[in-house]
Amino acid sequence: MEVLPPLSRRTFLKALGVAPFTAEPFLSLLQEREVRLISSVLTYHEVNAAKMTSDVVSLIRRGYQPLSLDTFVGALRGEVEIPQGLPTFLVTCDDGLFSQYTQGLQAVDTIERQTGYFVPLTLFTMTRFEGLPITEDLPDEVPSFNDGRHRYMNKGQLVDMLRKGHYLQNHTADHMSVTQLPEDRLRDQIEVSEGKIDLLWELAERERTVKAFAYPNGRYAGREGFIQDAGFDVAFTTAGITQHSSANPFRLGRLSR
């Protein structure tokens, strides 16, 4: 099996997360067919650098190629071609926990030194920010969330993650279950979070080309249509599956680490 060259941090940022795969948007417009993507989507909460490094280096040494969120979604849409038989993986983190900034970035740097691959993290983050709007004047130290039990990334750290080539995406403002909220409250949770996430991307001076959602606690029953109507491209559950279908982009699976 031919292995593609390592994806460096510089190449990744320059190519907007699509290199080294081949984009075929015109062909995909002509084809109305289900796309099946086999990819291991890992998900972490509290991150231990040694554990994440071991997980990812093991996959790379077994021939797996890391994907960015843009590339994953492009492949699911049929707009990006991944060589047949090439195993791939995507790394996601839920809740925006502080250890994802400290331990996660440490792991990403170690993985790049050991393998030559830059592995972008997709961060599904709550966006309470003490009920304050996201502005340049909002202090960097304001935490994205506060439950009195865990430590969460703050505004400055989330912007820094984006500037380092990682992805910030929607996990509701307050980690509310989408299956239990009435639609008006769910809409508020999602719209508040979307507005703040978009502004964080703007502060990082990056364009957000994909909108992804992760269901809090993985529960989604009966809400897939609502999430689709809210303008998302994909949504992730916690179902432990690795085969994803363009026919069900709002029920994508992940493997808990």
Protein backbone atom coordinates (compact mmCIF):
# COMPACT_ATOMS: atom_id res chain seq x y z
CA MET A 1 0.00 0.00 0.00
CA GLU A 2 1.37 3.39 -0.96
CA VAL A 3 1.68 5.71 2.01
CA LEU A 4 1.24 9.41 1.39
CA PRO A 5 3.98 11.78 2.58
CA PRO A 6 3.63 13.22 6.08
CA LEU A 7 1.40 16.27 6.46
CA SER A 8 3.46 19.02 8.04
CA ARG A 9 1.95 21.84 10.05
CA ARG A 10 2.98 24.40 7.42
CA THR A 11 1.60 22.37 4.51
CA PHE A 12 -1.60 21.71 6.43
CA LEU A 13 -2.30 25.37 7.10
CA LYS A 14 -1.39 26.40 3.56
CA ALA A 15 -3.69 23.82 2.00
CA LEU A 16 -6.59 24.50 4.41
CA GLY A 17 -6.61 20.94 5.64
CA VAL A 18 -7.28 19.25 2.28
CA ALA A 19 -3.74 18.24 1.23
CA PRO A 20 -2.46 15.68 0.44
CA PHE A 21 -5.71 14.28 -0.93
CA THR A 22 -7.28 15.03 -4.31
CA ALA A 23 -10.35 17.25 -4.51
CA GLU A 24 -12.89 16.40 -7.21
CA PRO A 25 -15.81 18.80 -6.66
CA PHE A 26 -17.00 18.76 -10.27
CA LEU A 27 -17.16 14.98 -10.40
CA SER A 28 -19.11 14.89 -7.14
CA LEU A 29 -21.71 17.27 -8.56
CA LEU A 30 -22.44 14.76 -11.28
CA GLN A 31 -22.76 11.82 -8.95
CA GLU A 32 -25.76 11.40 -6.68
CA ARG A 33 -24.67 8.39 -4.71
CA GLU A 34 -24.10 7.33 -1.15
CA VAL A 35 -20.52 7.74 -0.01
CA ARG A 36 -19.16 5.39 2.62
CA LEU A 37 -16.12 6.52 4.55
CA ILE A 38 -14.25 4.13 6.82
CA SER A 39 -12.34 6.20 9.35
CA SER A 40 -11.59 5.89 13.05
CA VAL A 41 -12.85 9.03 14.80
CA LEU A 42 -11.22 9.15 18.23
CA THR A 43 -12.76 11.22 21.01
CA TYR A 44 -11.14 12.38 24.25
CA HIS A 45 -12.34 14.31 27.28
CA GLU A 46 -9.55 14.86 29.83
CA VAL A 47 -6.35 14.41 27.86
CA ASN A 48 -3.18 12.70 29.01
CA ALA A 49 -0.32 13.58 26.65
CA ALA A 50 1.40 10.20 26.92
CA LYS A 51 -1.84 8.32 26.23
CA MET A 52 -2.85 10.46 23.25
CA THR A 53 0.67 10.26 21.83
CA SER A 54 0.70 6.47 22.19
CA ASP A 55 -2.73 6.11 20.57
CA VAL A 56 -1.94 8.29 17.57
CA VAL A 57 1.67 7.19 16.96
CA SER A 58 0.47 3.58 17.02
CA LEU A 59 -2.09 4.33 14.31
CA ILE A 60 0.41 6.21 12.14
CA ARG A 61 2.99 3.43 12.41
CA ARG A 62 0.29 0.98 11.31
CA GLY A 63 -0.21 3.04 8.15
CA TYR A 64 -3.13 5.27 9.17
CA GLN A 65 -3.30 8.82 7.78
CA PRO A 66 -4.56 11.64 10.02
CA LEU A 67 -7.41 13.75 8.66
CA SER A 68 -8.49 17.29 9.37
CA LEU A 69 -12.19 17.94 9.92
CA ASP A 70 -12.34 19.67 6.51
CA THR A 71 -10.87 16.63 4.79
CA PHE A 72 -13.12 14.20 6.67
CA VAL A 73 -16.27 16.11 5.68
CA GLY A 74 -15.01 16.59 2.12
CA ALA A 75 -14.43 12.85 1.78
CA LEU A 76 -17.88 12.07 3.18
CA ARG A 77 -19.41 14.40 0.60
CA GLY A 78 -17.46 12.81 -2.24
CA GLU A 79 -15.54 16.03 -2.85
CA VAL A 80 -12.20 14.68 -1.64
CA GLU A 81 -10.75 11.38 -2.82
CA ILE A 82 -8.88 9.23 -0.33
CA PRO A 83 -6.80 6.47 -1.95
CA GLN A 84 -8.60 3.14 -1.80
CA GLY A 85 -7.42 1.01 1.09
CA LEU A 86 -5.72 3.85 2.94
CA PRO A 87 -6.85 3.76 6.61
CA THR A 88 -7.52 7.14 8.19
CA PHE A 89 -8.40 8.70 11.52
CA LEU A 90 -9.71 11.96 12.96
CA VAL A 91 -9.03 13.18 16.53
CA THR A 92 -11.80 15.00 18.41
CA CYS A 93 -12.05 16.32 21.98
CA ASP A 94 -15.25 17.14 23.86
CA ASP A 95 -16.13 19.90 26.35
CA GLY A 96 -13.16 22.25 25.86
CA LEU A 97 -11.29 21.02 28.94
CA PHE A 98 -8.06 22.75 29.97
CA SER A 99 -6.05 19.52 29.62
CA GLN A 100 -6.85 19.55 25.91
CA TYR A 101 -4.83 22.76 25.70
CA THR A 102 -1.91 21.72 27.87
CA GLN A 103 -1.69 17.95 27.41
CA GLY A 104 -3.29 17.94 23.96
CA LEU A 105 -0.87 20.45 22.45
CA GLN A 106 2.03 18.61 24.08
CA ALA A 107 0.83 15.39 22.44
CA VAL A 108 0.42 17.05 19.03
CA ASP A 109 3.97 18.41 19.17
CA THR A 110 5.42 15.06 20.27
CA ILE A 111 3.54 13.20 17.54
CA GLU A 112 4.85 15.62 14.92
CA ARG A 113 8.44 15.19 16.14
CA GLN A 114 8.16 11.40 16.14
CA THR A 115 6.27 10.89 12.88
CA GLY A 116 6.41 14.10 10.83
CA TYR A 117 2.61 14.32 10.86
CA PHE A 118 0.71 17.32 12.18
CA VAL A 119 -2.50 15.95 13.71
CA PRO A 120 -5.22 18.64 13.97
CA LEU A 121 -7.65 18.34 16.88
CA THR A 122 -11.36 19.04 16.50
CA LEU A 123 -12.62 20.62 19.74
CA PHE A 124 -16.33 20.41 20.54
CA THR A 125 -16.64 23.12 23.18
CA MET A 126 -19.32 24.64 25.39
CA THR A 127 -19.53 28.42 25.07
CA ARG A 128 -21.13 29.90 28.19
CA PHE A 129 -18.32 32.46 28.77
CA GLU A 130 -20.19 33.64 31.89
CA GLY A 131 -23.01 34.87 29.66
CA LEU A 132 -20.76 37.51 28.07
CA PRO A 133 -20.48 38.24 24.33
CA ILE A 134 -17.27 37.43 22.48
CA THR A 135 -15.40 40.64 21.65
CA GLU A 136 -11.79 41.71 21.38
CA ASP A 137 -12.28 43.45 24.73
CA LEU A 138 -13.46 40.31 26.52
CA PRO A 139 -10.51 39.31 28.74
CA ASP A 140 -8.65 36.24 27.54
CA GLU A 141 -8.98 34.74 31.03
CA VAL A 142 -12.78 34.31 30.86
CA PRO A 143 -13.46 30.54 30.84
CA SER A 144 -15.64 29.00 28.15
CA PHE A 145 -17.60 27.11 30.81
CA ASN A 146 -17.68 26.60 34.59
CA ASP A 147 -19.29 23.72 36.43
CA GLY A 148 -17.23 23.88 39.62
CA ARG A 149 -15.75 20.44 38.93
CA HIS A 150 -13.49 20.71 35.89
CA ARG A 151 -11.17 23.33 34.47
CA TYR A 152 -12.03 24.59 31.00
CA MET A 153 -10.15 26.49 28.33
CA ASN A 154 -10.60 30.24 28.29
CA LYS A 155 -11.10 32.64 25.41
CA GLY A 156 -7.40 33.21 24.83
CA GLN A 157 -6.57 29.52 24.81
CA LEU A 158 -9.35 28.67 22.36
CA VAL A 159 -8.20 31.40 19.98
CA ASP A 160 -4.64 30.09 20.34
CA MET A 161 -5.82 26.56 19.46
CA LEU A 162 -7.44 27.90 16.31
CA ARG A 163 -4.30 29.83 15.35
CA LYS A 164 -2.27 26.65 15.78
CA GLY A 165 -4.40 24.90 13.13
CA HIS A 166 -6.99 23.11 15.26
CA TYR A 167 -10.79 23.27 14.91
CA LEU A 168 -13.42 24.69 17.26
CA GLN A 169 -16.96 23.36 16.87
CA ASN A 170 -20.37 23.28 18.59
CA HIS A 171 -21.28 21.27 21.71
CA THR A 172 -24.15 23.60 22.82
CA ALA A 173 -23.62 26.56 25.16
CA ASP A 174 -24.25 24.60 28.38
CA HIS A 175 -23.89 20.90 27.51
CA MET A 176 -27.66 20.49 27.42
CA SER A 177 -29.16 17.23 26.12
CA VAL A 178 -30.73 17.82 22.72
CA THR A 179 -33.27 15.06 23.34
CA GLN A 180 -34.73 16.72 26.45
CA LEU A 181 -34.92 20.40 25.54
CA PRO A 182 -37.97 21.90 23.81
CA GLU A 183 -37.10 23.22 20.37
CA ASP A 184 -37.05 26.89 21.36
CA ARG A 185 -34.52 26.31 24.14
CA LEU A 186 -32.47 24.00 21.96
CA ARG A 187 -32.42 26.63 19.24
CA ASP A 188 -31.15 29.18 21.76
CA GLN A 189 -28.44 26.82 22.98
CA ILE A 190 -27.22 26.18 19.45
CA GLU A 191 -27.52 29.73 18.11
CA VAL A 192 -25.73 31.28 21.10
CA SER A 193 -22.92 28.78 20.71
CA GLU A 194 -22.68 29.22 16.94
CA GLY A 195 -22.42 32.98 17.25
CA LYS A 196 -19.60 32.77 19.77
CA ILE A 197 -17.73 30.08 17.86
CA ASP A 198 -17.87 32.13 14.65
CA LEU A 199 -16.49 35.15 16.51
CA LEU A 200 -13.64 33.09 17.97
CA TRP A 201 -12.72 31.96 14.44
CA GLU A 202 -12.75 35.60 13.37
CA LEU A 203 -10.47 36.60 16.24
CA ALA A 204 -8.08 33.83 15.17
CA GLU A 205 -8.24 35.20 11.59
CA ARG A 206 -9.26 31.85 10.14
CA GLU A 207 -12.19 30.97 7.92
CA ARG A 208 -14.61 28.38 9.26
CA THR A 209 -15.53 26.28 6.23
CA VAL A 210 -17.24 23.36 8.01
CA LYS A 211 -19.87 23.43 10.76
CA ALA A 212 -19.93 20.33 12.95
CA PHE A 213 -21.91 19.41 16.05
CA ALA A 214 -21.31 16.82 18.77
CA TYR A 215 -24.37 15.66 20.72
CA PRO A 216 -23.83 16.11 24.49
CA ASN A 217 -23.53 12.64 26.01
CA GLY A 218 -24.00 11.26 22.49
CA ARG A 219 -27.81 11.38 22.69
CA TYR A 220 -29.57 12.45 19.51
CA ALA A 221 -32.77 10.40 18.99
CA GLY A 222 -35.28 12.36 16.93
CA ARG A 223 -33.12 15.50 16.67
CA GLU A 224 -31.06 14.78 13.57
CA GLY A 225 -33.41 16.80 11.34
CA PHE A 226 -33.31 19.75 13.74
CA ILE A 227 -29.49 19.76 13.70
CA GLN A 228 -29.48 19.56 9.91
CA ASP A 229 -31.94 22.46 9.65
CA ALA A 230 -29.72 24.50 11.99
CA GLY A 231 -27.10 24.58 9.22
CA PHE A 232 -24.60 21.96 10.32
CA ASP A 233 -22.72 19.81 7.83
CA VAL A 234 -22.24 16.80 10.13
CA ALA A 235 -22.98 15.70 13.69
CA PHE A 236 -21.19 13.15 15.84
CA THR A 237 -22.61 10.66 18.33
CA THR A 238 -20.70 8.40 20.71
CA ALA A 239 -21.64 5.21 18.85
CA GLY A 240 -18.50 3.11 18.43
CA ILE A 241 -18.58 2.71 14.66
CA THR A 242 -15.95 3.44 12.03
CA GLN A 243 -18.04 3.20 8.85
CA HIS A 244 -19.71 6.53 8.09
CA SER A 245 -22.29 7.22 5.40
CA SER A 246 -23.22 10.35 3.50
CA ALA A 247 -26.82 9.14 3.87
CA ASN A 248 -26.53 9.63 7.66
CA PRO A 249 -24.17 12.58 8.19
CA PHE A 250 -25.91 13.51 11.46
CA ARG A 251 -25.33 10.12 13.09
CA LEU A 252 -21.56 9.73 12.72
CA GLY A 253 -19.79 7.46 15.17
CA ARG A 254 -16.74 7.94 17.38
CA LEU A 255 -14.42 5.73 19.43
CA SER A 256 -14.01 6.83 23.04
CA ARG A 257 -10.43 7.04 24.30
